C-alpha atoms as a PDB file:
ATOM      1  CA  MET A   1      39.203  42.635 -29.326  1.00  0.00           C
ATOM      2  CA  HIS A   2      41.545  43.252 -32.253  1.00  0.00           C
ATOM      3  CA  PRO A   3      45.214  43.497 -31.139  1.00  0.00           C
ATOM      4  CA  LEU A   4      45.476  46.973 -32.610  1.00  0.00           C
ATOM      5  CA  GLU A   5      42.368  48.120 -30.786  1.00  0.00           C
ATOM      6  CA  GLN A   6      43.774  46.757 -27.533  1.00  0.00           C
ATOM      7  CA  LEU A   7      47.055  48.484 -28.190  1.00  0.00           C
ATOM      8  CA  ALA A   8      45.344  51.829 -28.848  1.00  0.00           C
ATOM      9  CA  LEU A   9      43.344  51.451 -25.652  1.00  0.00           C
ATOM     10  CA  ASP A  10      46.492  50.632 -23.634  1.00  0.00           C
ATOM     11  CA  VAL A  11      48.241  53.742 -24.974  1.00  0.00           C
ATOM     12  CA  ALA A  12      45.185  55.916 -24.404  1.00  0.00           C
ATOM     13  CA  GLU A  13      44.889  54.769 -20.785  1.00  0.00           C
ATOM     14  CA  GLY A  14      48.610  55.133 -20.035  1.00  0.00           C
ATOM     15  CA  ARG A  15      49.448  51.450 -19.684  1.00  0.00           C
ATOM     16  CA  THR A  16      51.763  51.636 -22.711  1.00  0.00           C
ATOM     17  CA  ALA A  17      53.996  54.507 -23.674  1.00  0.00           C
ATOM     18  CA  PRO A  18      53.221  56.017 -27.085  1.00  0.00           C
ATOM     19  CA  ALA A  19      56.670  55.127 -28.487  1.00  0.00           C
ATOM     20  CA  ASP A  20      56.278  51.530 -27.301  1.00  0.00           C
ATOM     21  CA  GLY A  21      52.836  51.432 -28.824  1.00  0.00           C
ATOM     22  CA  GLU A  22      54.182  52.547 -32.172  1.00  0.00           C
ATOM     23  CA  ARG A  23      56.865  49.891 -32.079  1.00  0.00           C
ATOM     24  CA  ALA A  24      54.280  47.257 -31.222  1.00  0.00           C
ATOM     25  CA  ALA A  25      52.014  48.387 -34.100  1.00  0.00           C
ATOM     26  CA  ALA A  26      54.991  48.267 -36.467  1.00  0.00           C
ATOM     27  CA  ALA A  27      55.783  44.728 -35.284  1.00  0.00           C
ATOM     28  CA  LEU A  28      52.196  43.653 -36.015  1.00  0.00           C
ATOM     29  CA  ALA A  29      52.511  44.950 -39.591  1.00  0.00           C
ATOM     30  CA  ALA A  30      55.951  43.512 -40.145  1.00  0.00           C
ATOM     31  CA  SER A  31      54.825  40.085 -39.010  1.00  0.00           C
ATOM     32  CA  GLY A  32      51.922  40.091 -41.446  1.00  0.00           C
ATOM     33  CA  ALA A  33      49.283  40.190 -38.695  1.00  0.00           C
ATOM     34  CA  LEU A  34      48.092  43.579 -39.967  1.00  0.00           C
ATOM     35  CA  GLY A  35      47.803  44.107 -43.717  1.00  0.00           C
ATOM     36  CA  ALA A  36      47.740  47.283 -45.816  1.00  0.00           C
ATOM     37  CA  ALA A  37      44.076  46.926 -46.801  1.00  0.00           C
ATOM     38  CA  GLU A  38      43.128  46.438 -43.144  1.00  0.00           C
ATOM     39  CA  LEU A  39      45.169  49.516 -42.227  1.00  0.00           C
ATOM     40  CA  VAL A  40      43.211  51.582 -44.780  1.00  0.00           C
ATOM     41  CA  ASN A  41      40.009  50.631 -43.034  1.00  0.00           C
ATOM     42  CA  TRP A  42      41.476  51.473 -39.661  1.00  0.00           C
ATOM     43  CA  PHE A  43      42.457  54.871 -41.000  1.00  0.00           C
ATOM     44  CA  ARG A  44      38.816  55.449 -41.956  1.00  0.00           C
ATOM     45  CA  THR A  45      37.897  54.872 -38.326  1.00  0.00           C
ATOM     46  CA  ALA A  46      40.535  57.370 -37.184  1.00  0.00           C
ATOM     47  CA  GLU A  47      39.263  59.887 -39.685  1.00  0.00           C
ATOM     48  CA  TRP A  48      35.714  59.483 -38.417  1.00  0.00           C
ATOM     49  CA  LEU A  49      36.999  60.127 -34.867  1.00  0.00           C
ATOM     50  CA  ALA A  50      38.896  63.202 -36.014  1.00  0.00           C
ATOM     51  CA  HIS A  51      35.681  64.730 -37.331  1.00  0.00           C
ATOM     52  CA  GLN A  52      34.211  64.549 -33.827  1.00  0.00           C
ATOM     53  CA  GLU A  53      35.159  67.786 -32.038  1.00  0.00           C
ATOM     54  CA  ASP A  54      36.063  66.144 -28.721  1.00  0.00           C
ATOM     55  CA  LEU A  55      37.758  63.012 -30.068  1.00  0.00           C
ATOM     56  CA  TRP A  56      40.438  64.392 -32.381  1.00  0.00           C
ATOM     57  CA  GLU A  57      43.223  63.600 -29.870  1.00  0.00           C
ATOM     58  CA  ARG A  58      42.091  59.990 -29.678  1.00  0.00           C
ATOM     59  CA  ALA A  59      42.056  59.965 -33.479  1.00  0.00           C
ATOM     60  CA  LEU A  60      45.620  61.207 -33.563  1.00  0.00           C
ATOM     61  CA  LEU A  61      46.777  58.619 -31.038  1.00  0.00           C
ATOM     62  CA  LEU A  62      45.286  55.866 -33.221  1.00  0.00           C
ATOM     63  CA  GLY A  63      46.669  57.464 -36.348  1.00  0.00           C
ATOM     64  CA  ARG A  64      50.207  57.484 -34.999  1.00  0.00           C
ATOM     65  CA  LEU A  65      49.957  53.712 -34.405  1.00  0.00           C
ATOM     66  CA  LEU A  66      48.587  53.211 -37.899  1.00  0.00           C
ATOM     67  CA  ALA A  67      51.264  55.339 -39.505  1.00  0.00           C
ATOM     68  CA  ALA A  68      53.960  53.402 -37.721  1.00  0.00           C
ATOM     69  CA  ALA A  69      52.406  50.142 -38.900  1.00  0.00           C
ATOM     70  CA  ALA A  70      52.128  51.380 -42.480  1.00  0.00           C
ATOM     71  CA  GLU A  71      55.812  52.190 -42.623  1.00  0.00           C
ATOM     72  CA  ALA A  72      56.684  48.732 -41.367  1.00  0.00           C
ATOM     73  CA  LEU A  73      54.627  46.794 -43.966  1.00  0.00           C
ATOM     74  CA  PRO A  74      56.723  44.097 -45.664  1.00  0.00           C
ATOM     75  CA  GLY A  75      57.963  44.649 -49.204  1.00  0.00           C
ATOM     76  CA  THR A  76      55.327  42.261 -50.512  1.00  0.00           C
ATOM     77  CA  ALA A  77      52.553  44.784 -49.622  1.00  0.00           C
ATOM     78  CA  ALA A  78      50.748  46.255 -52.678  1.00  0.00           C
ATOM     79  CA  PRO A  79      52.252  49.661 -53.441  1.00  0.00           C
ATOM     80  CA  GLY A  80      48.865  51.165 -54.106  1.00  0.00           C
ATOM     81  CA  GLU A  81      47.566  50.135 -50.671  1.00  0.00           C
ATOM     82  CA  VAL A  82      50.700  51.464 -48.951  1.00  0.00           C
ATOM     83  CA  ALA A  83      50.197  54.761 -50.827  1.00  0.00           C
ATOM     84  CA  ARG A  84      46.562  54.863 -49.670  1.00  0.00           C
ATOM     85  CA  CYS A  85      47.732  54.425 -46.048  1.00  0.00           C
ATOM     86  CA  ARG A  86      50.126  57.315 -46.439  1.00  0.00           C
ATOM     87  CA  SER A  87      47.441  59.434 -48.097  1.00  0.00           C
ATOM     88  CA  ALA A  88      45.155  58.636 -45.176  1.00  0.00           C
ATOM     89  CA  TRP A  89      47.825  59.796 -42.686  1.00  0.00           C
ATOM     90  CA  THR A  90      48.165  63.059 -44.558  1.00  0.00           C
ATOM     91  CA  GLU A  91      44.442  63.593 -44.236  1.00  0.00           C
ATOM     92  CA  LEU A  92      44.430  62.703 -40.557  1.00  0.00           C
ATOM     93  CA  VAL A  93      47.273  65.163 -39.883  1.00  0.00           C
ATOM     94  CA  HIS A  94      45.266  67.841 -41.749  1.00  0.00           C
ATOM     95  CA  LEU A  95      42.241  67.201 -39.500  1.00  0.00           C
ATOM     96  CA  CYS A  96      44.264  67.254 -36.269  1.00  0.00           C
ATOM     97  CA  VAL A  97      46.695  70.085 -36.815  1.00  0.00           C
ATOM     98  CA  ILE A  98      43.754  72.450 -37.296  1.00  0.00           C
ATOM     99  CA  HIS A  99      43.065  71.986 -33.574  1.00  0.00           C
ATOM    100  CA  ARG A 100      46.616  72.413 -32.370  1.00  0.00           C
ATOM    101  CA  PRO A 101      49.723  73.603 -34.256  1.00  0.00           C
ATOM    102  CA  ASP A 102      52.558  71.077 -34.446  1.00  0.00           C
ATOM    103  CA  GLY A 103      55.392  71.548 -36.899  1.00  0.00           C
ATOM    104  CA  GLU A 104      56.730  67.960 -36.599  1.00  0.00           C
ATOM    105  CA  LEU A 105      53.237  66.495 -37.142  1.00  0.00           C
ATOM    106  CA  PHE A 106      52.652  68.819 -40.092  1.00  0.00           C
ATOM    107  CA  ALA A 107      55.946  67.782 -41.670  1.00  0.00           C
ATOM    108  CA  SER A 108      55.115  64.066 -41.239  1.00  0.00           C
ATOM    109  CA  GLY A 109      51.871  64.614 -43.121  1.00  0.00           C
ATOM    110  CA  VAL A 110      53.686  66.355 -45.911  1.00  0.00           C
ATOM    111  CA  ARG A 111      56.299  63.620 -46.196  1.00  0.00           C
ATOM    112  CA  ALA A 112      53.663  60.907 -46.281  1.00  0.00           C
ATOM    113  CA  GLY A 113      51.629  62.777 -48.905  1.00  0.00           C
ATOM    114  CA  ARG A 114      54.619  63.309 -51.144  1.00  0.00           C
ATOM    115  CA  ALA A 115      55.579  59.635 -50.914  1.00  0.00           C
ATOM    116  CA  ALA A 116      52.005  58.640 -51.705  1.00  0.00           C
ATOM    117  CA  LEU A 117      51.971  61.030 -54.677  1.00  0.00           C
ATOM    118  CA  ASP A 118      55.232  59.572 -56.035  1.00  0.00           C
ATOM    119  CA  ALA A 119      53.824  56.080 -55.734  1.00  0.00           C
ATOM    120  CA  ALA A 120      50.510  57.025 -57.387  1.00  0.00           C
ATOM    121  CA  ARG A 121      52.305  58.593 -60.306  1.00  0.00           C
ATOM    122  CA  ALA A 122      54.604  55.603 -60.693  1.00  0.00           C
ATOM    123  CA  LEU A 123      51.547  53.383 -60.775  1.00  0.00           C
ATOM    124  CA  GLY A 124      49.763  55.650 -63.275  1.00  0.00           C
ATOM    125  CA  ASP A 125      46.859  56.004 -60.833  1.00  0.00           C
ATOM    126  CA  ASP A 126      45.505  59.442 -61.588  1.00  0.00           C
ATOM    127  CA  GLU A 127      42.536  59.015 -59.239  1.00  0.00           C
ATOM    128  CA  LEU A 128      44.834  58.405 -56.268  1.00  0.00           C
ATOM    129  CA  ALA A 129      47.239  61.140 -57.377  1.00  0.00           C
ATOM    130  CA  GLY A 130      44.355  63.591 -57.545  1.00  0.00           C
ATOM    131  CA  GLN A 131      43.214  62.625 -54.042  1.00  0.00           C
ATOM    132  CA  VAL A 132      46.686  63.012 -52.610  1.00  0.00           C
ATOM    133  CA  LEU A 133      47.211  66.398 -54.278  1.00  0.00           C
ATOM    134  CA  TYR A 134      43.931  67.576 -52.844  1.00  0.00           C
ATOM    135  CA  ARG A 135      44.878  66.356 -49.341  1.00  0.00           C
ATOM    136  CA  LEU A 136      48.290  68.015 -49.579  1.00  0.00           C
ATOM    137  CA  GLY A 137      46.499  71.194 -50.656  1.00  0.00           C
ATOM    138  CA  THR A 138      44.065  71.216 -47.770  1.00  0.00           C
ATOM    139  CA  LEU A 139      46.851  70.355 -45.303  1.00  0.00           C
ATOM    140  CA  HIS A 140      48.555  73.583 -46.358  1.00  0.00           C
ATOM    141  CA  LEU A 141      45.255  75.528 -46.532  1.00  0.00           C
ATOM    142  CA  ASP A 142      42.938  74.893 -43.597  1.00  0.00           C
ATOM    143  CA  PRO A 143      45.388  75.458 -40.718  1.00  0.00           C
ATOM    144  CA  PHE A 144      46.106  78.885 -42.226  1.00  0.00           C
ATOM    145  CA  SER A 145      42.513  79.920 -43.037  1.00  0.00           C
ATOM    146  CA  ARG A 146      40.994  82.744 -40.966  1.00  0.00           C
ATOM    147  CA  ALA A 147      38.194  85.251 -41.031  1.00  0.00           C
ATOM    148  CA  GLY A 148      39.279  88.217 -43.162  1.00  0.00           C
ATOM    149  CA  GLU A 149      38.944  91.017 -40.665  1.00  0.00           C
ATOM    150  CA  LEU A 150      40.444  88.967 -37.870  1.00  0.00           C
ATOM    151  CA  TRP A 151      43.129  87.133 -39.741  1.00  0.00           C
ATOM    152  CA  ALA A 152      46.168  88.100 -37.674  1.00  0.00           C
ATOM    153  CA  GLU A 153      44.400  87.801 -34.296  1.00  0.00           C
ATOM    154  CA  GLU A 154      42.983  84.336 -35.094  1.00  0.00           C
ATOM    155  CA  HIS A 155      46.365  83.134 -36.419  1.00  0.00           C
ATOM    156  CA  ARG A 156      48.078  84.239 -33.236  1.00  0.00           C
ATOM    157  CA  LEU A 157      45.438  82.467 -31.157  1.00  0.00           C
ATOM    158  CA  TRP A 158      45.943  79.216 -33.082  1.00  0.00           C
ATOM    159  CA  LEU A 159      49.710  79.431 -32.603  1.00  0.00           C
ATOM    160  CA  SER A 160      49.198  79.912 -28.882  1.00  0.00           C
ATOM    161  CA  LEU A 161      47.450  76.533 -28.601  1.00  0.00           C
ATOM    162  CA  GLY A 162      50.741  74.673 -28.951  1.00  0.00           C
ATOM    163  CA  PRO A 163      53.978  74.914 -26.945  1.00  0.00           C
ATOM    164  CA  ARG A 164      56.422  77.320 -28.556  1.00  0.00           C
ATOM    165  CA  ASP A 165      58.939  74.593 -29.392  1.00  0.00           C
ATOM    166  CA  SER A 166      56.281  72.642 -31.239  1.00  0.00           C
ATOM    167  CA  LEU A 167      55.888  75.422 -33.809  1.00  0.00           C
ATOM    168  CA  ALA A 168      59.252  74.837 -35.499  1.00  0.00           C
ATOM    169  CA  GLY A 169      58.738  73.347 -38.946  1.00  0.00           C
ATOM    170  CA  LEU A 170      55.422  75.095 -39.675  1.00  0.00           C
ATOM    171  CA  PRO A 171      55.582  77.070 -42.936  1.00  0.00           C
ATOM    172  CA  ALA A 172      54.990  80.803 -43.025  1.00  0.00           C
ATOM    173  CA  PRO A 173      51.303  81.470 -43.738  1.00  0.00           C
ATOM    174  CA  ARG A 174      51.955  83.037 -47.152  1.00  0.00           C
ATOM    175  CA  ASP A 175      54.173  80.168 -48.216  1.00  0.00           C
ATOM    176  CA  ALA A 176      51.584  77.640 -46.988  1.00  0.00           C
ATOM    177  CA  LEU A 177      48.736  79.250 -48.872  1.00  0.00           C
ATOM    178  CA  ARG A 178      50.681  79.536 -52.138  1.00  0.00           C
ATOM    179  CA  THR A 179      51.708  75.883 -51.779  1.00  0.00           C
ATOM    180  CA  ALA A 180      48.059  74.963 -51.189  1.00  0.00           C
ATOM    181  CA  GLU A 181      47.061  76.787 -54.320  1.00  0.00           C
ATOM    182  CA  ARG A 182      49.737  74.981 -56.361  1.00  0.00           C
ATOM    183  CA  TYR A 183      48.672  71.504 -55.142  1.00  0.00           C
ATOM    184  CA  LEU A 184      45.007  72.258 -55.646  1.00  0.00           C
ATOM    185  CA  ARG A 185      45.502  73.454 -59.224  1.00  0.00           C
ATOM    186  CA  GLU A 186      47.295  70.177 -59.968  1.00  0.00           C
ATOM    187  CA  ALA A 187      44.502  68.208 -58.284  1.00  0.00           C
ATOM    188  CA  ALA A 188      41.856  69.972 -60.341  1.00  0.00           C
ATOM    189  CA  GLU A 189      43.482  68.650 -63.525  1.00  0.00           C
ATOM    190  CA  LEU A 190      43.059  65.089 -62.343  1.00  0.00           C
ATOM    191  CA  ARG A 191      39.679  65.059 -60.551  1.00  0.00           C
ATOM    192  CA  ALA A 192      36.122  64.931 -61.828  1.00  0.00           C
ATOM    193  CA  GLY A 193      32.615  64.987 -60.434  1.00  0.00           C
ATOM    194  CA  PRO A 194      32.210  65.764 -56.695  1.00  0.00           C
ATOM    195  CA  GLY A 195      35.933  65.427 -56.111  1.00  0.00           C
ATOM    196  CA  LEU A 196      36.530  68.240 -58.562  1.00  0.00           C
ATOM    197  CA  GLY A 197      33.762  70.246 -56.832  1.00  0.00           C
ATOM    198  CA  TYR A 198      35.500  70.011 -53.458  1.00  0.00           C
ATOM    199  CA  THR A 199      38.800  70.890 -55.103  1.00  0.00           C
ATOM    200  CA  CYS A 200      37.294  74.030 -56.711  1.00  0.00           C
ATOM    201  CA  LYS A 201      35.912  75.020 -53.312  1.00  0.00           C
ATOM    202  CA  ALA A 202      39.312  74.619 -51.672  1.00  0.00           C
ATOM    203  CA  LEU A 203      41.060  76.477 -54.507  1.00  0.00           C
ATOM    204  CA  ALA A 204      38.591  79.391 -54.106  1.00  0.00           C
ATOM    205  CA  GLN A 205      39.398  79.381 -50.414  1.00  0.00           C
ATOM    206  CA  ALA A 206      43.117  79.403 -51.098  1.00  0.00           C
ATOM    207  CA  LEU A 207      42.807  82.452 -53.381  1.00  0.00           C
ATOM    208  CA  GLN A 208      40.529  84.256 -50.960  1.00  0.00           C
ATOM    209  CA  GLN A 209      42.771  83.560 -47.977  1.00  0.00           C
ATOM    210  CA  GLN A 210      45.793  84.974 -49.820  1.00  0.00           C
ATOM    211  CA  ARG A 211      43.829  88.151 -50.298  1.00  0.00           C
ATOM    212  CA  PHE A 212      42.790  88.198 -46.629  1.00  0.00           C
ATOM    213  CA  LEU A 213      46.448  87.700 -45.590  1.00  0.00           C
ATOM    214  CA  ALA A 214      47.535  90.449 -47.950  1.00  0.00           C
ATOM    215  CA  GLY A 215      45.261  92.844 -46.051  1.00  0.00           C
ATOM    216  CA  THR A 216      47.231  92.268 -42.838  1.00  0.00           C
ATOM    217  CA  ASP A 217      50.461  94.123 -41.958  1.00  0.00           C
ATOM    218  CA  ALA A 218      52.451  90.935 -42.510  1.00  0.00           C
ATOM    219  CA  GLY A 219      50.792  90.403 -45.872  1.00  0.00           C
ATOM    220  CA  ARG A 220      51.392  93.966 -47.059  1.00  0.00           C
ATOM    221  CA  ASP A 221      55.048  93.748 -46.061  1.00  0.00           C
ATOM    222  CA  SER A 222      55.386  90.436 -47.977  1.00  0.00           C
ATOM    223  CA  GLU A 223      53.725  91.880 -51.054  1.00  0.00           C
ATOM    224  CA  ALA A 224      56.055  94.877 -51.009  1.00  0.00           C
ATOM    225  CA  ALA A 225      58.949  92.459 -50.997  1.00  0.00           C
ATOM    226  CA  ASP A 226      57.461  90.330 -53.772  1.00  0.00           C
ATOM    227  CA  PRO A 227      55.482  92.557 -56.175  1.00  0.00           C
ATOM    228  CA  GLU A 228      55.433  89.886 -58.876  1.00  0.00           C
ATOM    229  CA  ALA A 229      53.414  87.575 -56.588  1.00  0.00           C
ATOM    230  CA  ALA A 230      51.014  90.369 -55.774  1.00  0.00           C
ATOM    231  CA  ASP A 231      50.476  91.049 -59.505  1.00  0.00           C
ATOM    232  CA  SER A 232      49.880  87.349 -60.086  1.00  0.00           C
ATOM    233  CA  GLU A 233      47.212  87.191 -57.410  1.00  0.00           C
ATOM    234  CA  ALA A 234      45.497  90.288 -58.795  1.00  0.00           C
ATOM    235  CA  ALA A 235      45.378  88.675 -62.191  1.00  0.00           C
ATOM    236  CA  ASP A 236      43.861  85.523 -60.729  1.00  0.00           C
ATOM    237  CA  SER A 237      41.082  87.505 -59.109  1.00  0.00           C
ATOM    238  CA  GLU A 238      40.020  88.832 -62.516  1.00  0.00           C
ATOM    239  CA  GLY A 239      40.439  85.598 -64.513  1.00  0.00           C
ATOM    240  CA  ALA A 240      38.406  82.518 -65.252  1.00  0.00           C
ATOM    241  CA  ASP A 241      39.515  80.886 -61.976  1.00  0.00           C
ATOM    242  CA  SER A 242      38.405  83.783 -59.725  1.00  0.00           C
ATOM    243  CA  VAL A 243      36.825  82.962 -56.420  1.00  0.00           C
ATOM    244  CA  ALA A 244      33.337  83.605 -57.816  1.00  0.00           C
ATOM    245  CA  ALA A 245      33.885  81.412 -60.884  1.00  0.00           C
ATOM    246  CA  LEU A 246      35.362  78.588 -58.784  1.00  0.00           C
ATOM    247  CA  CYS A 247      32.409  78.748 -56.398  1.00  0.00           C
ATOM    248  CA  GLU A 248      29.954  78.463 -59.294  1.00  0.00           C
ATOM    249  CA  ARG A 249      31.808  75.430 -60.571  1.00  0.00           C
ATOM    250  CA  ALA A 250      31.923  73.885 -57.055  1.00  0.00           C
ATOM    251  CA  LEU A 251      28.190  74.343 -56.555  1.00  0.00           C
ATOM    252  CA  ALA A 252      27.532  72.571 -59.817  1.00  0.00           C
ATOM    253  CA  LEU A 253      29.488  69.522 -58.707  1.00  0.00           C
ATOM    254  CA  ILE A 254      29.141  69.168 -54.927  1.00  0.00           C
ATOM    255  CA  PRO A 255      26.178  66.903 -54.095  1.00  0.00           C
ATOM    256  CA  ALA A 256      23.015  68.629 -52.950  1.00  0.00           C
ATOM    257  CA  GLU A 257      22.907  66.558 -49.837  1.00  0.00           C
ATOM    258  CA  ASP A 258      26.249  67.936 -48.604  1.00  0.00           C
ATOM    259  CA  VAL A 259      24.567  70.999 -47.158  1.00  0.00           C
ATOM    260  CA  GLU A 260      27.557  71.982 -44.999  1.00  0.00           C
ATOM    261  CA  ALA A 261      30.010  72.092 -47.932  1.00  0.00           C
ATOM    262  CA  ARG A 262      27.565  74.000 -50.112  1.00  0.00           C
ATOM    263  CA  ALA A 263      26.995  76.521 -47.315  1.00  0.00           C
ATOM    264  CA  GLY A 264      30.757  76.937 -47.157  1.00  0.00           C
ATOM    265  CA  VAL A 265      30.893  77.684 -50.867  1.00  0.00           C
ATOM    266  CA  GLU A 266      28.173  80.316 -50.432  1.00  0.00           C
ATOM    267  CA  ALA A 267      30.213  81.888 -47.621  1.00  0.00           C
ATOM    268  CA  LEU A 268      33.229  82.036 -49.894  1.00  0.00           C
ATOM    269  CA  ARG A 269      31.190  83.622 -52.658  1.00  0.00           C
ATOM    270  CA  THR A 270      29.976  86.419 -50.295  1.00  0.00           C
ATOM    271  CA  GLY A 271      33.510  87.086 -49.084  1.00  0.00           C
ATOM    272  CA  SER A 272      33.076  85.720 -45.556  1.00  0.00           C
ATOM    273  CA  GLY A 273      34.472  82.232 -46.101  1.00  0.00           C
ATOM    274  CA  ARG A 274      37.231  81.020 -43.825  1.00  0.00           C
ATOM    275  CA  GLY A 275      37.331  77.267 -44.182  1.00  0.00           C
ATOM    276  CA  PRO A 276      38.101  74.656 -43.328  1.00  0.00           C
ATOM    277  CA  ALA A 277      37.554  73.015 -46.737  1.00  0.00           C
ATOM    278  CA  ALA A 278      35.191  70.079 -46.663  1.00  0.00           C
ATOM    279  CA  ALA A 279      37.682  67.203 -47.078  1.00  0.00           C
ATOM    280  CA  ARG A 280      36.458  64.281 -49.190  1.00  0.00           C
ATOM    281  CA  PRO A 281      38.225  61.248 -50.585  1.00  0.00           C
END
């Protein structure tokens, strides 16, 4: 059994405290026993687990070990591989925080994503930068995406899934959705093919969710306080990047075999979409 696998098992079964597990994982990376490219592959395993409805907590446990290891990689590690590890942690946080709100976890995903984005830009790697921008966008989008007519109720329910003191650090929904839109617009400028299709889908969701939120009491109060933002959103709904136009573009680019994502686009187009966005590399 790989030392990291044994470590994850020991933490999961309570033989090792989580903090001790993270220190041990960091020591493996610092010693050179666990390289950046290997960590990227382990993150793929954690992401696969996170997509299984009943295994996301195990995925998060493994991801915390991997994130600790990534931050302890020696200076000789390839910057691009380290950035990919951080991008992968951002995506894993996105997949897990949907299930349970956690402000500290959310913030760690944002920090990792921003660090990965800085590295990608410094390397001139537009493909990686586009991926990271997309992942930062969906991190700010999916945890704050709800059914239009039940937006406030569903958001309160999500918040109730975590202890009250774990909510500190989460952005306000309106701020999160506007940040998501900003990241996704930047991502769309760098991505092509299916990646651009998923980005268009997520951007359509971000615009639609802002309108859903504006229909709640909290959203109407916030629009009254910020009429310029409300005018901007109204203009978007009539322009070339309206929800309908973005959905058409997404459907032209998302592979036919990704039936789930395409169904999500159709739901957005009919006004019933709520996410989450179909995350793709």
